[in-house]
């Protein structure tokens, strides 16, 4: 934006508020007390607008929420599964994770019948 355009917008804003936001000096501008208040409030408005955007973007595709169905054996939950799910949910908030306790043979059948997407048949290797 060119300097004259910015100056014009500042004057328009001051006219709209009926307040002087800047003290004009030979070597530039200085915020008045009212200008400091306006700047502080404007920063808060921008922060809230950014928060609104971050909150609403995932909802934009809420009809396209992905579901991940996981079969697991009970011994997997306390260890790597609980930790892995926490990390996964932090990175993929738009994915609905459903977990089902199943024996390995039940998991195999559920995979074949497409009732689950992932089968965790046992503890992972320690490496």
C-alpha atoms as a PDB file:
ATOM      1  CA  UNK A   1       0.000   0.000   0.000  1.00  0.00           C
ATOM      2  CA  UNK A   2       1.396   3.423  -0.884  1.00  0.00           C
ATOM      3  CA  UNK A   3       2.140   6.025   1.798  1.00  0.00           C
ATOM      4  CA  UNK A   4      -0.628   8.425   0.678  1.00  0.00           C
ATOM      5  CA  UNK A   5      -3.180   5.590   0.783  1.00  0.00           C
ATOM      6  CA  UNK A   6      -2.116   4.613   4.311  1.00  0.00           C
ATOM      7  CA  UNK A   7      -2.206   8.243   5.446  1.00  0.00           C
ATOM      8  CA  UNK A   8      -5.693   8.624   4.007  1.00  0.00           C
ATOM      9  CA  UNK A   9      -6.927   5.492   5.773  1.00  0.00           C
ATOM     10  CA  UNK A  10      -5.468   6.690   9.078  1.00  0.00           C
ATOM     11  CA  UNK A  11      -7.225  10.060   8.685  1.00  0.00           C
ATOM     12  CA  UNK A  12     -10.488   8.294   7.772  1.00  0.00           C
ATOM     13  CA  UNK A  13     -10.206   6.115  10.866  1.00  0.00           C
ATOM     14  CA  UNK A  14      -9.516   9.119  13.080  1.00  0.00           C
ATOM     15  CA  UNK A  15     -12.539  10.903  11.599  1.00  0.00           C
ATOM     16  CA  UNK A  16     -14.729   7.839  12.126  1.00  0.00           C
ATOM     17  CA  UNK A  17     -13.672   7.557  15.786  1.00  0.00           C
ATOM     18  CA  UNK A  18     -13.582  11.301  16.354  1.00  0.00           C
ATOM     19  CA  UNK A  19     -10.172  10.866  17.986  1.00  0.00           C
ATOM     20  CA  UNK A  20      -6.566  11.590  17.158  1.00  0.00           C
ATOM     21  CA  UNK A  21      -4.756   8.247  17.011  1.00  0.00           C
ATOM     22  CA  UNK A  22      -1.359   9.706  16.116  1.00  0.00           C
ATOM     23  CA  UNK A  23       0.661  12.802  16.854  1.00  0.00           C
ATOM     24  CA  UNK A  24       2.210  13.893  13.597  1.00  0.00           C
ATOM     25  CA  UNK A  25       5.834  14.918  13.959  1.00  0.00           C
ATOM     26  CA  UNK A  26       8.384  16.056  11.486  1.00  0.00           C
ATOM     27  CA  UNK A  27      10.233  12.744  11.762  1.00  0.00           C
ATOM     28  CA  UNK A  28       7.156  10.491  11.693  1.00  0.00           C
ATOM     29  CA  UNK A  29       4.148   9.505  13.762  1.00  0.00           C
ATOM     30  CA  UNK A  30       3.684   8.685  17.426  1.00  0.00           C
ATOM     31  CA  UNK A  31       0.654   6.903  18.864  1.00  0.00           C
ATOM     32  CA  UNK A  32      -1.512   8.921  21.193  1.00  0.00           C
ATOM     33  CA  UNK A  33      -2.986   7.328  24.315  1.00  0.00           C
ATOM     34  CA  UNK A  34      -6.187   6.749  22.317  1.00  0.00           C
ATOM     35  CA  UNK A  35      -4.072   5.271  19.528  1.00  0.00           C
ATOM     36  CA  UNK A  36      -2.438   2.875  22.005  1.00  0.00           C
ATOM     37  CA  UNK A  37      -5.909   1.765  23.156  1.00  0.00           C
ATOM     38  CA  UNK A  38      -7.078   1.324  19.565  1.00  0.00           C
ATOM     39  CA  UNK A  39      -3.942  -0.652  18.695  1.00  0.00           C
ATOM     40  CA  UNK A  40      -4.372  -2.923  21.706  1.00  0.00           C
ATOM     41  CA  UNK A  41      -8.029  -3.571  20.830  1.00  0.00           C
ATOM     42  CA  UNK A  42      -7.210  -4.114  17.152  1.00  0.00           C
ATOM     43  CA  UNK A  43      -4.582  -6.721  18.096  1.00  0.00           C
ATOM     44  CA  UNK A  44      -7.170  -8.511  20.245  1.00  0.00           C
ATOM     45  CA  UNK A  45      -9.679  -8.466  17.383  1.00  0.00           C
ATOM     46  CA  UNK A  46      -7.065  -9.972  15.055  1.00  0.00           C
ATOM     47  CA  UNK A  47      -6.163 -12.625  17.650  1.00  0.00           C
ATOM     48  CA  UNK A  48      -9.837 -13.562  18.007  1.00  0.00           C
ATOM     49  CA  UNK A  49     -10.311 -13.601  14.229  1.00  0.00           C
ATOM     50  CA  UNK A  50      -7.357 -15.994  13.918  1.00  0.00           C
ATOM     51  CA  UNK A  51      -8.770 -18.174  16.693  1.00  0.00           C
ATOM     52  CA  UNK A  52     -12.138 -18.210  14.915  1.00  0.00           C
ATOM     53  CA  UNK A  53     -10.478 -19.295  11.681  1.00  0.00           C
ATOM     54  CA  UNK A  54      -8.519 -22.065  13.420  1.00  0.00           C
ATOM     55  CA  UNK A  55     -11.680 -23.287  15.127  1.00  0.00           C
ATOM     56  CA  UNK A  56     -13.930 -23.152  12.082  1.00  0.00           C
ATOM     57  CA  UNK A  57     -11.646 -24.628   9.401  1.00  0.00           C
ATOM     58  CA  UNK A  58     -11.920 -28.216  10.667  1.00  0.00           C
ATOM     59  CA  UNK A  59     -15.697 -27.812  10.859  1.00  0.00           C
ATOM     60  CA  UNK A  60     -15.836 -26.802   7.209  1.00  0.00           C
ATOM     61  CA  UNK A  61     -15.376 -30.407   6.209  1.00  0.00           C
ATOM     62  CA  UNK A  62     -17.261 -31.906   9.150  1.00  0.00           C
ATOM     63  CA  UNK A  63     -19.427 -33.900   6.775  1.00  0.00           C
ATOM     64  CA  UNK A  64     -16.212 -35.536   5.600  1.00  0.00           C
ATOM     65  CA  UNK A  65     -14.908 -36.634   8.991  1.00  0.00           C
ATOM     66  CA  UNK A  66     -12.770 -39.683   8.553  1.00  0.00           C
ATOM     67  CA  UNK A  67     -13.324 -42.653  10.755  1.00  0.00           C
ATOM     68  CA  UNK A  68     -10.545 -45.037  11.709  1.00  0.00           C
ATOM     69  CA  UNK A  69     -11.657 -48.318  13.273  1.00  0.00           C
ATOM     70  CA  UNK A  70      -8.939 -50.202  15.128  1.00  0.00           C
ATOM     71  CA  UNK A  71      -9.042 -53.716  16.509  1.00  0.00           C
ATOM     72  CA  UNK A  72      -6.630 -54.424  19.345  1.00  0.00           C
ATOM     73  CA  UNK A  73      -5.789 -57.003  21.974  1.00  0.00           C
ATOM     74  CA  UNK A  74      -6.083 -55.937  25.598  1.00  0.00           C
ATOM     75  CA  UNK A  75      -2.346 -56.059  26.280  1.00  0.00           C
ATOM     76  CA  UNK A  76      -1.721 -53.431  23.578  1.00  0.00           C
ATOM     77  CA  UNK A  77      -3.844 -50.675  25.178  1.00  0.00           C
ATOM     78  CA  UNK A  78      -1.745 -49.674  28.196  1.00  0.00           C
ATOM     79  CA  UNK A  79       1.459 -49.383  26.218  1.00  0.00           C
ATOM     80  CA  UNK A  80       1.966 -48.228  22.700  1.00  0.00           C
ATOM     81  CA  UNK A  81      -1.703 -47.977  21.668  1.00  0.00           C
ATOM     82  CA  UNK A  82      -2.674 -45.381  24.290  1.00  0.00           C
ATOM     83  CA  UNK A  83       0.466 -43.346  23.582  1.00  0.00           C
ATOM     84  CA  UNK A  84       0.045 -43.651  19.813  1.00  0.00           C
ATOM     85  CA  UNK A  85      -3.614 -42.636  19.949  1.00  0.00           C
ATOM     86  CA  UNK A  86      -2.788 -39.490  21.950  1.00  0.00           C
ATOM     87  CA  UNK A  87      -0.183 -38.450  19.393  1.00  0.00           C
ATOM     88  CA  UNK A  88      -2.452 -39.312  16.467  1.00  0.00           C
ATOM     89  CA  UNK A  89      -5.377 -37.285  17.873  1.00  0.00           C
ATOM     90  CA  UNK A  90      -3.144 -34.249  18.381  1.00  0.00           C
ATOM     91  CA  UNK A  91      -2.118 -34.333  14.724  1.00  0.00           C
ATOM     92  CA  UNK A  92      -5.386 -35.479  13.159  1.00  0.00           C
ATOM     93  CA  UNK A  93      -8.285 -33.834  14.988  1.00  0.00           C
ATOM     94  CA  UNK A  94     -10.605 -34.470  12.049  1.00  0.00           C
ATOM     95  CA  UNK A  95     -10.302 -38.249  12.368  1.00  0.00           C
ATOM     96  CA  UNK A  96     -12.736 -40.116  14.583  1.00  0.00           C
ATOM     97  CA  UNK A  97     -10.874 -43.080  16.082  1.00  0.00           C
ATOM     98  CA  UNK A  98     -12.868 -46.046  17.311  1.00  0.00           C
ATOM     99  CA  UNK A  99     -11.129 -48.912  19.078  1.00  0.00           C
ATOM    100  CA  UNK A 100     -12.468 -52.412  19.591  1.00  0.00           C
ATOM    101  CA  UNK A 101     -11.008 -55.071  21.852  1.00  0.00           C
ATOM    102  CA  UNK A 102     -10.804 -58.279  19.807  1.00  0.00           C
ATOM    103  CA  UNK A 103      -8.813 -61.471  19.734  1.00  0.00           C
ATOM    104  CA  UNK A 104      -6.406 -61.830  16.802  1.00  0.00           C
ATOM    105  CA  UNK A 105      -8.808 -64.198  15.006  1.00  0.00           C
ATOM    106  CA  UNK A 106     -11.713 -61.749  15.519  1.00  0.00           C
ATOM    107  CA  UNK A 107      -9.550 -58.945  14.152  1.00  0.00           C
ATOM    108  CA  UNK A 108      -8.696 -60.974  11.081  1.00  0.00           C
ATOM    109  CA  UNK A 109     -12.376 -61.640  10.385  1.00  0.00           C
ATOM    110  CA  UNK A 110     -13.303 -58.007  11.058  1.00  0.00           C
ATOM    111  CA  UNK A 111     -10.640 -56.847   8.585  1.00  0.00           C
ATOM    112  CA  UNK A 112     -11.965 -59.208   5.922  1.00  0.00           C
ATOM    113  CA  UNK A 113     -15.526 -57.972   6.533  1.00  0.00           C
ATOM    114  CA  UNK A 114     -14.311 -54.324   6.570  1.00  0.00           C
ATOM    115  CA  UNK A 115     -15.642 -53.720  10.096  1.00  0.00           C
ATOM    116  CA  UNK A 116     -12.196 -52.437  11.139  1.00  0.00           C
ATOM    117  CA  UNK A 117      -9.469 -50.631   9.214  1.00  0.00           C
ATOM    118  CA  UNK A 118      -6.467 -51.677  11.277  1.00  0.00           C
ATOM    119  CA  UNK A 119      -5.651 -54.770  13.326  1.00  0.00           C
ATOM    120  CA  UNK A 120      -3.158 -54.636  16.179  1.00  0.00           C
ATOM    121  CA  UNK A 121      -2.482 -58.263  16.841  1.00  0.00           C
ATOM    122  CA  UNK A 122       0.186 -57.904  19.519  1.00  0.00           C
ATOM    123  CA  UNK A 123       2.963 -55.829  21.014  1.00  0.00           C
ATOM    124  CA  UNK A 124       5.329 -54.169  18.543  1.00  0.00           C
ATOM    125  CA  UNK A 125       8.944 -55.175  18.380  1.00  0.00           C
ATOM    126  CA  UNK A 126      11.089 -53.133  20.825  1.00  0.00           C
ATOM    127  CA  UNK A 127      13.318 -51.665  18.064  1.00  0.00           C
END
